[in-house]
Amino acid sequence: MRTPEQIWEDADLPTRRLAGLALNPSAPESVLLRLLADAPLAARMVLCRDRVLPDAVVDAVIEHPDTLTRSFLARNPHVAPARRARLVHDPEWFVRAHLAEGPRVAFPAQPEPLPDETVIHMINTYDNELLGGLFYQQISTRLRLSMPSHPIAKVRLWGVGSWALLSTETRAALLADADDEVREAARRHARHRDPAWVESVLPDRPCHGRTDALLHGALSRAVVDGVLGNPVGEEDRAMIAVNPTLPPDVVALLAADPDPEIRGLIAGRGDLGPAERRTLVADPDPDVRRRAAHRADLDPAERRALSTDPDRDVRLAVSVHPALTEEERAGIDYEIPMDHAFVFHPAPWVPRDREAVRRDALSVHPLLRRQAAKDHLLSPDLVARLADDDDLGVRVLLAQNHPDAPASLLLRAFLEYTGPERDHLTSRPNFPTQGLAVFAEHEDPEVRALATRDPETEPATVQRLTHDPDPAVRAAAARHPNLPPSRLTELLDDEELAHTAAANPALDADTIRRLLLTADGRPA
């Protein structure tokens, strides 16, 4: 079966024009239905996968005889999950597999979750091989949290997968579950906490199984002594350094290890005594001290020592320590890094404590304000405050993450930030359209393309942008409704831009009829 890329590669110019027409916002429902019925596969692919669809067209796609055509609807991010969920009973596994895989969304976005009842039906009735990949992204947080105690055994089986996050009571209930599969899955997770079992199955060669056991399994004294005295692989000691079951005397031993990487890993542990902490805080390797600076259990003397550390990264690390007062924080000589990627961050399963978010937002420290700016639930007063923050990272992170980021902030962030996921800003709900024509001659092509978003951009400017040296600018200009009709007609025969020109909402009815006639020789 051909891939979408192969389908598009095989499409000729008339077919690509029809695909553009399928995206045209001014194309009436009757035209969309005609394309669905008669257009070549590439045009049907674009129609069903890449745009918002009227109810009548969704109904027709669901009843369409072609499996590929229905599968494209299953991957459409512009169609509400409840409407895509109507494909859950499709007779073809290929369509059901695409529904489970989820919509095609550009990173860093994630698809909206399917209705809980749809997900439960899929878990309960679909073959396991259809539920791999990104299916988990379509499960709502509400359902994820309820899975371990769900009345359906197959759903509880999925809930076992979050074992590390489960309470002692929930784990005990799963270990005593009435269903054999659930009970066995719980036991498989629980036995990793049994040192004797881990020792009995520990591979005697470097491999993924050994790595997982040394990092996460409960380690017996015999396993620990074996790693210390006769390691199998070069990384064995580094692996056990972060294992939470490591005995205190071995933690102390590794805190004084000659390898700075090992000491750095020990610095991140949560079970160090005062002597080990002091050893790491005074370590000659700045990376070890930097890791130690993140420890929540540092005492005031240790924090003071790290606050005046000769290494700037160490001072920066301790400057965000939760035990510091704002006055202590302000007294540290640190430098804020500006080379970080300021990108979208999905909302966590459980929202952060509101008071902690507010403290971060009001902090004198830009890194803490950046942390607050990622919060999707930030209150309006804090949104307004951080939108005017003097730190670029705070402003861009707020613009990338908050659903109510104001238009002025979104535009400012786009103009000032040139790092990864810059184009995600233009997809935010409040990104402006008015007043963007002034950027038509900007040296940056991504900024120049903003002019094609302005409905008031002059026709002559739009026409000039269809000749722009940047292909993305040319394509965006070809779709602008102010493009002069003569130039639009030219572009419908252009190998590069015919597809985007056919999506131009300024196409008149006669041109649409001509494009449809070109498809199959029958009158529209």
Protein backbone atom coordinates (compact mmCIF):
# COMPACT_ATOMS: atom_id res chain seq x y z
CA MET A 1 0.00 0.00 0.00
CA ARG A 2 1.40 3.38 -1.02
CA THR A 3 2.48 5.87 1.63
CA PRO A 4 1.07 9.41 1.67
CA GLU A 5 4.42 10.66 0.41
CA GLN A 6 4.29 8.29 -2.56
CA ILE A 7 0.68 9.22 -3.30
CA TRP A 8 1.65 12.91 -3.47
CA GLU A 9 4.81 12.23 -5.46
CA ASP A 10 2.77 10.37 -8.09
CA ALA A 11 0.16 13.14 -8.42
CA ASP A 12 0.18 15.11 -11.70
CA LEU A 13 -0.42 18.86 -11.99
CA PRO A 14 -4.23 18.66 -12.48
CA THR A 15 -4.49 16.40 -9.43
CA ARG A 16 -2.41 18.80 -7.34
CA ARG A 17 -4.70 21.63 -8.41
CA LEU A 18 -7.69 19.61 -7.22
CA ALA A 19 -5.88 18.97 -3.94
CA GLY A 20 -5.47 22.73 -3.55
CA LEU A 21 -9.15 23.22 -4.33
CA ALA A 22 -9.93 20.70 -1.59
CA LEU A 23 -8.26 23.09 0.89
CA ASN A 24 -9.95 26.20 -0.46
CA PRO A 25 -12.03 27.79 2.33
CA SER A 26 -14.45 29.24 -0.24
CA ALA A 27 -15.16 25.90 -1.92
CA PRO A 28 -18.82 25.07 -1.22
CA GLU A 29 -19.90 21.81 0.34
CA SER A 30 -21.12 20.52 -3.04
CA VAL A 31 -17.61 20.91 -4.48
CA LEU A 32 -16.06 19.06 -1.54
CA LEU A 33 -18.53 16.22 -1.98
CA ARG A 34 -17.77 16.13 -5.71
CA LEU A 35 -14.04 15.90 -5.00
CA LEU A 36 -14.65 13.13 -2.48
CA ALA A 37 -16.67 11.18 -5.03
CA ASP A 38 -14.62 11.69 -8.20
CA ALA A 39 -11.16 13.17 -7.54
CA PRO A 40 -7.95 11.12 -7.66
CA LEU A 41 -6.58 9.67 -4.41
CA ALA A 42 -4.07 12.49 -3.76
CA ALA A 43 -6.85 15.08 -3.77
CA ARG A 44 -9.06 12.92 -1.55
CA MET A 45 -6.11 12.49 0.81
CA VAL A 46 -5.69 16.25 1.24
CA LEU A 47 -9.44 16.80 1.54
CA CYS A 48 -9.97 14.19 4.25
CA ARG A 49 -6.74 14.74 6.18
CA ASP A 50 -5.79 18.41 6.06
CA ARG A 51 -8.81 20.66 6.65
CA VAL A 52 -11.94 21.31 8.68
CA LEU A 53 -14.86 19.39 7.17
CA PRO A 54 -18.61 20.06 7.19
CA ASP A 55 -20.79 17.40 8.81
CA ALA A 56 -22.14 16.22 5.45
CA VAL A 57 -18.62 15.60 4.16
CA VAL A 58 -17.63 13.73 7.34
CA ASP A 59 -20.72 11.55 6.91
CA ALA A 60 -19.78 10.84 3.30
CA VAL A 61 -16.15 10.01 4.17
CA ILE A 62 -17.21 7.52 6.83
CA GLU A 63 -19.38 5.75 4.25
CA HIS A 64 -16.77 5.99 1.45
CA PRO A 65 -15.90 2.60 -0.09
CA ASP A 66 -12.14 3.29 -0.25
CA THR A 67 -10.15 2.19 2.81
CA LEU A 68 -7.36 4.74 2.32
CA THR A 69 -9.83 7.60 2.05
CA ARG A 70 -11.45 6.69 5.36
CA SER A 71 -8.03 6.25 6.97
CA PHE A 72 -7.11 9.84 6.08
CA LEU A 73 -10.08 11.10 8.09
CA ALA A 74 -8.83 9.08 11.06
CA ARG A 75 -5.60 11.12 10.99
CA ASN A 76 -7.21 14.56 10.53
CA PRO A 77 -6.30 16.94 13.40
CA HIS A 78 -8.90 19.48 12.22
CA VAL A 79 -11.84 17.14 12.84
CA ALA A 80 -13.11 16.88 16.42
CA PRO A 81 -12.14 13.64 18.22
CA ALA A 82 -15.79 12.70 18.74
CA ARG A 83 -16.39 12.83 14.99
CA ARG A 84 -13.26 10.83 14.15
CA ALA A 85 -14.32 8.33 16.81
CA ARG A 86 -17.18 7.28 14.53
CA LEU A 87 -14.55 5.21 12.70
CA VAL A 88 -13.96 3.06 15.78
CA HIS A 89 -16.08 0.24 14.30
CA ASP A 90 -14.70 0.49 10.76
CA PRO A 91 -14.58 -2.96 9.12
CA GLU A 92 -10.96 -2.48 7.96
CA TRP A 93 -8.12 -2.91 10.46
CA PHE A 94 -6.11 -0.33 8.48
CA VAL A 95 -8.62 2.42 9.30
CA ARG A 96 -8.88 1.37 12.94
CA ALA A 97 -5.07 1.35 13.18
CA HIS A 98 -4.91 4.94 11.89
CA LEU A 99 -7.58 6.00 14.37
CA ALA A 100 -5.48 4.47 17.17
CA GLU A 101 -2.29 6.11 15.86
CA GLY A 102 -3.99 9.51 16.01
CA PRO A 103 -3.97 12.71 13.97
CA ARG A 104 -1.00 14.09 12.12
CA VAL A 105 0.08 17.03 14.25
CA ALA A 106 3.27 19.03 13.95
CA PHE A 107 5.60 18.74 16.93
CA PRO A 108 5.34 20.01 19.65
CA ALA A 109 1.56 19.88 19.49
CA GLN A 110 -0.28 16.80 20.72
CA PRO A 111 -3.64 15.51 19.50
CA GLU A 112 -6.78 16.10 21.49
CA PRO A 113 -7.82 12.98 23.41
CA LEU A 114 -10.49 10.71 22.02
CA PRO A 115 -13.69 10.34 24.07
CA ASP A 116 -13.07 8.09 27.05
CA GLU A 117 -15.72 5.60 25.96
CA THR A 118 -14.00 5.28 22.57
CA VAL A 119 -10.61 4.63 24.15
CA ILE A 120 -12.12 2.05 26.51
CA HIS A 121 -13.80 0.29 23.59
CA MET A 122 -10.50 0.21 21.67
CA ILE A 123 -8.56 -1.19 24.63
CA ASN A 124 -11.28 -3.77 25.24
CA THR A 125 -11.73 -4.95 21.64
CA TYR A 126 -8.73 -4.00 19.45
CA ASP A 127 -5.73 -6.25 18.97
CA ASN A 128 -2.74 -5.06 20.99
CA GLU A 129 -0.67 -4.38 17.87
CA LEU A 130 -3.13 -1.64 16.89
CA LEU A 131 -2.64 0.16 20.21
CA GLY A 132 1.05 0.90 20.03
CA GLY A 133 2.75 4.03 18.72
CA LEU A 134 1.13 7.26 19.86
CA PHE A 135 -2.20 5.81 20.97
CA TYR A 136 -1.39 6.74 24.57
CA GLN A 137 -1.39 10.44 23.61
CA GLN A 138 -5.12 10.19 22.85
CA ILE A 139 -6.00 9.05 26.37
CA SER A 140 -7.40 11.82 28.57
CA THR A 141 -5.76 12.60 31.90
CA ARG A 142 -9.03 11.75 33.63
CA LEU A 143 -9.03 8.26 32.15
CA ARG A 144 -5.31 7.72 32.79
CA LEU A 145 -5.79 8.42 36.48
CA SER A 146 -8.79 6.09 36.74
CA MET A 147 -7.32 3.17 34.79
CA PRO A 148 -5.78 1.24 37.72
CA SER A 149 -9.21 0.89 39.37
CA HIS A 150 -11.38 0.65 36.26
CA PRO A 151 -14.09 -2.06 36.27
CA ILE A 152 -12.84 -3.48 32.93
CA ALA A 153 -9.80 -5.72 33.38
CA LYS A 154 -8.09 -4.76 30.11
CA VAL A 155 -8.26 -1.11 31.13
CA ARG A 156 -6.78 -1.92 34.54
CA LEU A 157 -4.02 -3.73 32.67
CA TRP A 158 -3.10 -0.41 31.02
CA GLY A 159 -3.23 1.22 34.44
CA VAL A 160 -0.55 -1.15 35.71
CA GLY A 161 1.83 0.53 33.28
CA SER A 162 1.98 3.60 35.53
CA TRP A 163 3.21 1.47 38.43
CA ALA A 164 5.87 3.91 39.56
CA LEU A 165 3.22 6.59 40.11
CA LEU A 166 0.73 4.41 41.95
CA SER A 167 0.04 4.51 45.67
CA THR A 168 0.85 1.56 47.93
CA GLU A 169 -2.88 0.82 48.28
CA THR A 170 -3.47 0.80 44.52
CA ARG A 171 -0.46 -1.46 43.95
CA ALA A 172 -1.74 -3.88 46.59
CA ALA A 173 -5.17 -3.96 44.91
CA LEU A 174 -3.63 -4.75 41.53
CA LEU A 175 -1.46 -7.50 43.03
CA ALA A 176 -4.66 -9.09 44.37
CA ASP A 177 -6.75 -8.38 41.24
CA ALA A 178 -9.34 -10.96 40.24
CA ASP A 179 -8.04 -10.97 36.66
CA ASP A 180 -5.07 -13.24 35.97
CA GLU A 181 -3.47 -10.92 33.39
CA VAL A 182 -3.74 -7.84 35.60
CA ARG A 183 -2.41 -9.72 38.60
CA GLU A 184 0.51 -11.15 36.62
CA ALA A 185 1.38 -7.74 35.13
CA ALA A 186 1.37 -6.22 38.62
CA ARG A 187 3.62 -9.00 39.86
CA ARG A 188 6.03 -8.40 36.98
CA HIS A 189 6.33 -4.79 38.09
CA ALA A 190 6.50 -5.61 41.80
CA ARG A 191 9.26 -8.20 41.49
CA HIS A 192 11.66 -5.48 40.34
CA ARG A 193 11.49 -4.41 43.99
CA ASP A 194 12.69 -7.87 45.12
CA PRO A 195 16.53 -7.91 45.37
CA ALA A 196 16.69 -11.71 45.21
CA TRP A 197 14.66 -11.82 41.99
CA VAL A 198 16.70 -9.02 40.38
CA GLU A 199 19.90 -10.87 41.28
CA SER A 200 18.56 -14.12 39.83
CA VAL A 201 17.77 -12.64 36.42
CA LEU A 202 20.59 -10.08 36.14
CA PRO A 203 22.39 -10.68 32.79
CA ASP A 204 26.13 -11.27 33.08
CA ARG A 205 26.91 -9.17 29.99
CA PRO A 206 26.27 -5.55 29.00
CA CYS A 207 22.75 -5.33 27.53
CA HIS A 208 19.46 -3.43 27.93
CA GLY A 209 18.25 -5.87 30.59
CA ARG A 210 21.33 -5.34 32.75
CA THR A 211 21.12 -1.58 32.31
CA ASP A 212 17.47 -1.49 33.38
CA ALA A 213 18.15 -3.67 36.44
CA LEU A 214 21.15 -1.66 37.63
CA LEU A 215 19.35 1.65 37.16
CA HIS A 216 15.91 0.79 38.52
CA GLY A 217 15.81 -2.66 40.15
CA ALA A 218 16.18 -3.41 43.85
CA LEU A 219 19.84 -4.36 44.28
CA SER A 220 21.07 -7.06 46.65
CA ARG A 221 24.36 -6.60 48.48
CA ALA A 222 25.88 -9.32 46.31
CA VAL A 223 24.99 -7.44 43.11
CA VAL A 224 26.36 -4.16 44.50
CA ASP A 225 29.61 -5.78 45.64
CA GLY A 226 29.96 -7.48 42.27
CA VAL A 227 29.61 -4.18 40.44
CA LEU A 228 32.14 -2.51 42.74
CA GLY A 229 34.66 -5.33 42.64
CA ASN A 230 34.20 -6.86 39.20
CA PRO A 231 32.04 -4.70 36.92
CA VAL A 232 30.87 -6.30 33.68
CA GLY A 233 30.67 -3.06 31.74
CA GLU A 234 32.34 0.34 31.90
CA GLU A 235 29.07 2.03 32.92
CA ASP A 236 28.06 -0.38 35.71
CA ARG A 237 29.21 1.89 38.56
CA ALA A 238 27.57 4.92 37.03
CA MET A 239 24.31 2.99 36.75
CA ILE A 240 24.12 1.88 40.35
CA ALA A 241 25.07 5.42 41.47
CA VAL A 242 21.54 6.61 40.72
CA ASN A 243 19.72 3.48 41.91
CA PRO A 244 17.47 4.44 44.87
CA THR A 245 18.14 1.13 46.68
CA LEU A 246 21.90 1.67 46.97
CA PRO A 247 23.09 1.06 50.60
CA PRO A 248 24.25 4.19 52.53
CA ASP A 249 27.85 2.97 52.89
CA VAL A 250 28.13 2.54 49.12
CA VAL A 251 26.63 6.00 48.56
CA ALA A 252 29.36 7.39 50.82
CA LEU A 253 32.00 5.35 48.98
CA LEU A 254 30.93 6.62 45.56
CA ALA A 255 30.69 10.20 46.82
CA ALA A 256 34.50 10.06 47.11
CA ASP A 257 35.00 8.12 43.85
CA PRO A 258 37.94 9.35 41.72
CA ASP A 259 35.64 9.55 38.68
CA PRO A 260 33.91 12.98 38.63
CA GLU A 261 31.00 11.55 36.64
CA ILE A 262 30.27 9.05 39.41
CA ARG A 263 30.44 11.78 42.06
CA GLY A 264 28.12 13.91 39.95
CA LEU A 265 25.55 11.12 39.76
CA ILE A 266 25.73 10.63 43.52
CA ALA A 267 25.17 14.36 43.97
CA GLY A 268 21.69 13.98 42.49
CA ARG A 269 20.56 11.40 45.03
CA GLY A 270 18.08 12.20 47.77
CA ASP A 271 19.58 10.10 50.54
CA LEU A 272 22.97 11.68 51.28
CA GLY A 273 24.12 12.30 54.80
CA PRO A 274 25.76 15.58 55.87
CA ALA A 275 29.28 14.20 55.40
CA GLU A 276 28.62 13.10 51.81
CA ARG A 277 26.99 16.42 50.95
CA ARG A 278 29.95 18.36 52.30
CA THR A 279 32.30 16.16 50.26
CA LEU A 280 30.39 16.91 47.07
CA VAL A 281 29.92 20.61 47.77
CA ALA A 282 33.71 20.92 48.06
CA ASP A 283 34.45 18.62 45.12
CA PRO A 284 37.20 19.84 42.73
CA ASP A 285 35.03 19.09 39.69
CA PRO A 286 32.53 21.94 39.00
CA ASP A 287 30.06 19.56 37.34
CA VAL A 288 29.78 17.58 40.58
CA ARG A 289 29.23 20.77 42.56
CA ARG A 290 26.61 21.91 40.04
CA ARG A 291 24.68 18.67 40.47
CA ALA A 292 24.98 18.93 44.24
CA ALA A 293 23.61 22.48 44.10
CA HIS A 294 20.23 21.10 42.93
CA ARG A 295 19.79 19.00 46.06
CA ALA A 296 16.77 19.97 48.14
CA ASP A 297 18.45 18.87 51.39
CA LEU A 298 21.37 21.33 51.34
CA ASP A 299 21.81 23.09 54.68
CA PRO A 300 22.38 26.89 54.94
CA ALA A 301 26.17 26.56 55.14
CA GLU A 302 26.29 24.39 52.03
CA ARG A 303 24.05 26.79 50.14
CA ARG A 304 26.25 29.73 51.15
CA ALA A 305 29.37 27.90 49.98
CA LEU A 306 27.83 27.14 46.60
CA SER A 307 26.48 30.69 46.28
CA THR A 308 30.05 32.02 46.11
CA ASP A 309 31.45 29.15 44.05
CA PRO A 310 34.08 30.24 41.50
CA ASP A 311 32.16 28.42 38.73
CA ARG A 312 29.27 30.44 37.26
CA ASP A 313 27.19 27.34 36.40
CA VAL A 314 27.36 26.20 40.02
CA ARG A 315 26.22 29.63 41.22
CA LEU A 316 23.37 29.58 38.70
CA ALA A 317 22.26 26.11 39.83
CA VAL A 318 22.10 27.03 43.52
CA SER A 319 20.47 30.41 42.79
CA VAL A 320 17.14 28.67 42.08
CA HIS A 321 17.25 26.55 45.23
CA PRO A 322 13.77 26.47 46.83
CA ALA A 323 15.10 27.19 50.34
CA LEU A 324 16.63 30.56 49.38
CA THR A 325 14.88 33.81 50.16
CA GLU A 326 14.47 36.31 47.35
CA GLU A 327 17.07 38.52 49.04
CA GLU A 328 19.58 35.63 49.14
CA ARG A 329 18.80 34.84 45.52
CA ALA A 330 19.39 38.41 44.45
CA GLY A 331 22.74 38.44 46.23
CA ILE A 332 24.20 35.65 44.07
CA ASP A 333 26.34 36.58 41.08
CA TYR A 334 24.85 34.44 38.31
CA GLU A 335 24.44 34.76 34.55
CA ILE A 336 21.20 33.85 32.81
CA PRO A 337 21.70 31.63 29.73
CA MET A 338 20.05 32.99 26.58
CA ASP A 339 20.88 30.06 24.28
CA HIS A 340 18.10 27.81 25.57
CA ALA A 341 15.22 26.64 23.37
CA PHE A 342 12.06 28.45 24.46
CA VAL A 343 9.42 25.99 23.29
CA PHE A 344 5.98 24.57 23.97
CA HIS A 345 5.65 22.27 27.01
CA PRO A 346 2.61 19.95 27.28
CA ALA A 347 0.56 20.39 30.44
CA PRO A 348 1.46 17.88 33.18
CA TRP A 349 -1.04 15.23 34.29
CA VAL A 350 -1.37 16.93 37.65
CA PRO A 351 -1.23 20.75 37.65
CA ARG A 352 1.46 22.44 39.73
CA ASP A 353 0.56 23.95 43.08
CA ARG A 354 -0.93 27.39 42.38
CA GLU A 355 0.96 29.11 45.19
CA ALA A 356 4.27 27.66 44.00
CA VAL A 357 3.56 28.92 40.47
CA ARG A 358 2.75 32.39 41.82
CA ARG A 359 5.96 32.48 43.86
CA ASP A 360 7.96 31.60 40.77
CA ALA A 361 6.16 34.20 38.67
CA LEU A 362 6.91 36.94 41.23
CA SER A 363 10.52 35.88 41.81
CA VAL A 364 13.49 38.11 41.09
CA HIS A 365 15.06 35.16 39.30
CA PRO A 366 14.40 34.88 35.54
CA LEU A 367 14.76 31.07 35.53
CA LEU A 368 11.97 30.74 38.09
CA ARG A 369 9.81 33.15 36.13
CA ARG A 370 10.52 31.07 33.02
CA GLN A 371 9.28 28.04 34.91
CA ALA A 372 6.06 29.85 35.77
CA ALA A 373 5.65 31.07 32.18
CA LYS A 374 5.29 27.45 30.98
CA ASP A 375 2.16 26.97 33.10
CA HIS A 376 -0.96 26.72 30.92
CA LEU A 377 -3.21 27.73 33.84
CA LEU A 378 -1.41 30.94 34.79
CA SER A 379 -3.90 33.51 36.10
CA PRO A 380 -4.70 36.64 34.03
CA ASP A 381 -2.83 39.00 36.37
CA LEU A 382 0.34 36.92 36.08
CA VAL A 383 -0.06 36.61 32.30
CA ALA A 384 -0.18 40.41 32.08
CA ARG A 385 2.84 40.74 34.36
CA LEU A 386 5.02 38.19 32.56
CA ALA A 387 4.02 39.49 29.12
CA ASP A 388 6.03 42.62 29.95
CA ASP A 389 8.93 40.76 31.59
CA ASP A 390 12.39 42.04 30.75
CA ASP A 391 13.66 38.49 30.06
CA LEU A 392 13.23 37.17 26.50
CA GLY A 393 12.89 33.58 27.74
CA VAL A 394 9.99 34.47 30.04
CA ARG A 395 8.12 36.30 27.28
CA VAL A 396 8.62 33.61 24.63
CA LEU A 397 7.75 30.72 26.97
CA LEU A 398 4.57 32.51 27.98
CA ALA A 399 3.71 33.09 24.31
CA GLN A 400 4.45 29.47 23.40
CA ASN A 401 2.44 27.92 26.22
CA HIS A 402 -0.42 30.05 27.50
CA PRO A 403 -3.70 29.79 25.56
CA ASP A 404 -4.56 33.43 26.33
CA ALA A 405 -1.22 34.98 25.44
CA PRO A 406 -2.06 38.42 24.02
CA ALA A 407 -1.57 39.24 20.35
CA SER A 408 1.03 41.91 21.04
CA LEU A 409 3.16 39.41 23.00
CA LEU A 410 2.87 36.74 20.31
CA LEU A 411 4.07 39.11 17.59
CA ARG A 412 6.87 40.51 19.74
CA ALA A 413 8.02 36.99 20.64
CA PHE A 414 8.05 35.94 16.99
CA LEU A 415 10.11 38.97 15.98
CA GLU A 416 12.62 38.60 18.80
CA TYR A 417 13.03 34.83 19.01
CA THR A 418 14.74 32.89 16.23
CA GLY A 419 15.27 29.55 17.99
CA PRO A 420 13.55 26.15 17.67
CA GLU A 421 9.76 26.04 17.25
CA ARG A 422 9.53 29.71 16.34
CA ASP A 423 6.79 28.93 13.82
CA HIS A 424 4.67 27.41 16.62
CA LEU A 425 3.97 30.96 17.76
CA THR A 426 1.99 31.70 14.58
CA SER A 427 -0.35 28.80 15.41
CA ARG A 428 -1.35 30.25 18.78
CA PRO A 429 -5.01 31.33 19.00
CA ASN A 430 -4.39 35.07 19.36
CA PHE A 431 -1.60 35.55 16.82
CA PRO A 432 -2.47 38.81 15.03
CA THR A 433 -3.27 39.38 11.36
CA GLN A 434 -3.80 43.14 11.20
CA GLY A 435 -0.84 45.43 10.54
CA LEU A 436 1.54 42.74 9.28
CA ALA A 437 1.92 44.14 5.76
CA VAL A 438 4.73 46.37 7.04
CA PHE A 439 7.01 43.32 7.16
CA ALA A 440 6.79 42.62 3.41
CA GLU A 441 10.36 43.78 2.81
CA HIS A 442 11.95 42.38 5.97
CA GLU A 443 15.29 40.63 5.49
CA ASP A 444 14.16 37.56 7.44
CA PRO A 445 11.93 35.40 5.18
CA GLU A 446 9.95 34.08 8.16
CA VAL A 447 9.10 37.65 9.13
CA ARG A 448 8.46 38.59 5.50
CA ALA A 449 5.90 35.80 5.32
CA LEU A 450 3.87 37.54 8.03
CA ALA A 451 2.73 40.03 5.40
CA THR A 452 0.79 37.23 3.72
CA ARG A 453 -1.31 36.89 6.88
CA ASP A 454 -2.56 40.46 6.70
CA PRO A 455 -5.89 40.76 4.85
CA GLU A 456 -5.03 44.38 4.00
CA THR A 457 -1.74 43.67 2.20
CA GLU A 458 -1.79 45.50 -1.15
CA PRO A 459 -2.31 43.40 -4.32
CA ALA A 460 0.98 44.63 -5.81
CA THR A 461 2.83 43.55 -2.68
CA VAL A 462 1.19 40.13 -2.70
CA GLN A 463 2.11 39.68 -6.37
CA ARG A 464 5.71 40.63 -5.67
CA LEU A 465 5.88 38.10 -2.84
CA THR A 466 4.89 35.30 -5.24
CA HIS A 467 8.34 35.92 -6.80
CA ASP A 468 10.11 35.93 -3.43
CA PRO A 469 13.40 33.99 -3.23
CA ASP A 470 12.02 31.95 -0.32
CA PRO A 471 9.66 29.10 -1.34
CA ALA A 472 7.57 29.33 1.84
CA VAL A 473 6.90 33.02 1.20
CA ARG A 474 5.97 32.31 -2.42
CA ALA A 475 3.53 29.58 -1.37
CA ALA A 476 1.89 31.75 1.29
CA ALA A 477 1.50 34.64 -1.16
CA ALA A 478 -0.12 32.35 -3.74
CA ARG A 479 -2.99 31.75 -1.28
CA HIS A 480 -3.60 35.42 -0.45
CA PRO A 481 -7.05 36.61 -1.56
CA ASN A 482 -5.61 39.99 -2.71
CA LEU A 483 -3.43 38.35 -5.35
CA PRO A 484 -4.32 39.97 -8.72
CA PRO A 485 -6.55 37.65 -10.80
CA SER A 486 -4.15 37.59 -13.71
CA ARG A 487 -1.29 36.39 -11.53
CA LEU A 488 -3.55 33.85 -9.82
CA THR A 489 -4.47 32.43 -13.22
CA GLU A 490 -0.79 32.14 -14.13
CA LEU A 491 0.00 30.29 -10.93
CA LEU A 492 -2.68 27.66 -11.57
CA ASP A 493 -0.38 26.37 -14.32
CA ASP A 494 2.81 26.75 -12.27
CA GLU A 495 4.41 23.42 -11.35
CA GLU A 496 5.51 24.73 -7.96
CA LEU A 497 2.58 26.88 -6.88
CA ALA A 498 -0.51 25.43 -8.61
CA HIS A 499 -1.44 23.51 -5.47
CA THR A 500 -1.41 26.54 -3.17
CA ALA A 501 -2.93 28.85 -5.82
CA ALA A 502 -5.93 26.53 -6.14
CA ALA A 503 -6.48 26.98 -2.39
CA ASN A 504 -6.82 30.75 -2.84
CA PRO A 505 -10.27 31.82 -1.56
CA ALA A 506 -10.46 34.44 -4.35
CA LEU A 507 -11.00 31.76 -7.00
CA ASP A 508 -14.25 32.50 -8.83
CA ALA A 509 -16.96 29.96 -9.54
CA ASP A 510 -16.06 29.66 -13.23
CA THR A 511 -12.46 28.78 -12.39
CA ILE A 512 -13.59 26.19 -9.84
CA ARG A 513 -15.88 24.63 -12.47
CA ARG A 514 -13.00 24.57 -14.95
CA LEU A 515 -10.72 22.83 -12.45
CA LEU A 516 -13.39 20.21 -11.77
CA LEU A 517 -13.93 19.72 -15.50
CA THR A 518 -10.21 19.18 -15.93
CA ALA A 519 -10.43 16.34 -13.46
CA ASP A 520 -12.62 13.93 -15.41
CA GLY A 521 -14.02 15.67 -18.50
CA ARG A 522 -17.56 15.82 -17.13
CA PRO A 523 -19.36 19.11 -16.53
CA ALA A 524 -19.62 20.19 -12.94
